[in-house]
Amino acid sequence: MVPGHRRPGKIADWRSLLPKELSTSVDDLEIIAGFKHLRNSALIRLTKDGATDYSGDPADDEAFFVRGTFTAKLTPEGFEVSELNRNSRR
């Protein structure tokens, strides 16, 4: 994955990317919590309609994550962590 790589999708689209054994045992709230954790760790940037950043306010979660699509974009910091993890598996 390259810095700035992005992928738009709905929660169901993101769930489909999980390994089969995880996709049936993880609910939407856990997926949202994962995105929020990665965002709060500065590893991804979350946007809606390509322009509106996720506010971080839990009151906005339903509108942001559940209604329509949102985009997760890998930050430079996220790319570094991804590369470190990939290299450690070699």
Protein backbone atom coordinates (compact mmCIF):
# COMPACT_ATOMS: atom_id res chain seq x y z
CA MET A 1 0.00 0.00 0.00
CA VAL A 2 1.30 3.45 -0.87
CA PRO A 3 0.95 6.66 1.16
CA GLY A 4 -2.28 8.37 0.31
CA HIS A 5 -3.93 5.14 -0.85
CA ARG A 6 -7.66 5.44 -0.31
CA ARG A 7 -10.74 3.34 -0.60
CA PRO A 8 -14.35 4.51 -0.32
CA GLY A 9 -17.04 2.23 1.00
CA LYS A 10 -19.97 1.54 3.26
CA ILE A 11 -19.63 -0.52 6.43
CA ALA A 12 -20.87 -3.58 4.50
CA ASP A 13 -18.15 -3.01 1.88
CA TRP A 14 -15.48 -2.82 4.57
CA ARG A 15 -16.85 -5.96 6.25
CA SER A 16 -16.49 -7.84 2.96
CA LEU A 17 -12.73 -7.15 3.08
CA LEU A 18 -12.34 -8.99 6.39
CA PRO A 19 -11.32 -12.63 6.38
CA LYS A 20 -14.43 -14.83 6.30
CA GLU A 21 -13.98 -16.07 9.87
CA LEU A 22 -13.87 -12.48 11.16
CA SER A 23 -16.64 -11.01 9.03
CA THR A 24 -19.28 -13.08 10.81
CA SER A 25 -18.00 -12.49 14.34
CA VAL A 26 -17.44 -8.72 14.21
CA ASP A 27 -20.36 -6.31 14.31
CA ASP A 28 -20.60 -2.86 12.72
CA LEU A 29 -19.85 -1.06 16.01
CA GLU A 30 -16.56 -2.96 16.30
CA ILE A 31 -15.62 -2.05 12.74
CA ILE A 32 -16.43 1.60 13.45
CA ALA A 33 -14.37 1.44 16.66
CA GLY A 34 -11.45 0.08 14.63
CA PHE A 35 -11.66 2.94 12.13
CA LYS A 36 -11.86 5.47 14.97
CA HIS A 37 -8.83 3.93 16.69
CA LEU A 38 -6.77 4.05 13.48
CA ARG A 39 -7.89 7.65 12.88
CA ASN A 40 -7.10 8.71 16.46
CA SER A 41 -3.68 7.07 16.09
CA ALA A 42 -3.10 9.22 12.95
CA LEU A 43 -2.71 6.11 10.77
CA ILE A 44 -5.69 6.89 8.52
CA ARG A 45 -7.72 9.94 7.55
CA LEU A 46 -11.49 9.52 7.35
CA THR A 47 -13.50 11.69 4.97
CA LYS A 48 -17.03 11.84 3.66
CA ASP A 49 -17.66 12.89 0.05
CA GLY A 50 -13.91 13.35 -0.38
CA ALA A 51 -13.88 16.61 1.55
CA THR A 52 -15.51 16.48 4.99
CA ASP A 53 -13.17 15.08 7.66
CA TYR A 54 -14.61 12.87 10.38
CA SER A 55 -15.12 15.13 13.41
CA GLY A 56 -14.33 12.55 16.06
CA ASP A 57 -17.57 13.42 17.84
CA PRO A 58 -19.51 10.24 18.71
CA ALA A 59 -22.74 12.13 17.97
CA ASP A 60 -21.64 12.21 14.31
CA ASP A 61 -20.89 8.48 14.05
CA GLU A 62 -24.19 7.35 12.56
CA ALA A 63 -24.29 10.09 9.93
CA PHE A 64 -20.64 9.56 9.04
CA PHE A 65 -20.23 5.78 9.12
CA VAL A 66 -23.72 4.38 8.51
CA ARG A 67 -25.31 6.74 5.99
CA GLY A 68 -23.65 6.35 2.61
CA THR A 69 -19.98 5.86 1.92
CA PHE A 70 -16.88 7.23 3.57
CA THR A 71 -13.23 7.09 2.60
CA ALA A 72 -10.29 5.83 4.63
CA LYS A 73 -6.96 7.21 3.42
CA LEU A 74 -3.64 5.89 4.65
CA THR A 75 -1.51 8.67 6.14
CA PRO A 76 2.29 8.80 5.84
CA GLU A 77 2.46 7.56 9.45
CA GLY A 78 0.13 4.71 8.59
CA PHE A 79 2.30 3.82 5.61
CA GLU A 80 5.38 3.67 7.83
CA VAL A 81 3.65 1.31 10.26
CA SER A 82 2.41 -0.81 7.36
CA GLU A 83 5.94 -1.07 5.96
CA LEU A 84 7.43 -1.93 9.37
CA ASN A 85 4.85 -4.70 9.83
CA ARG A 86 5.45 -6.07 6.35
CA ASN A 87 9.22 -6.05 6.81
CA SER A 88 9.01 -7.76 10.20
CA ARG A 89 7.16 -10.70 8.61
CA ARG A 90 9.99 -11.40 6.16
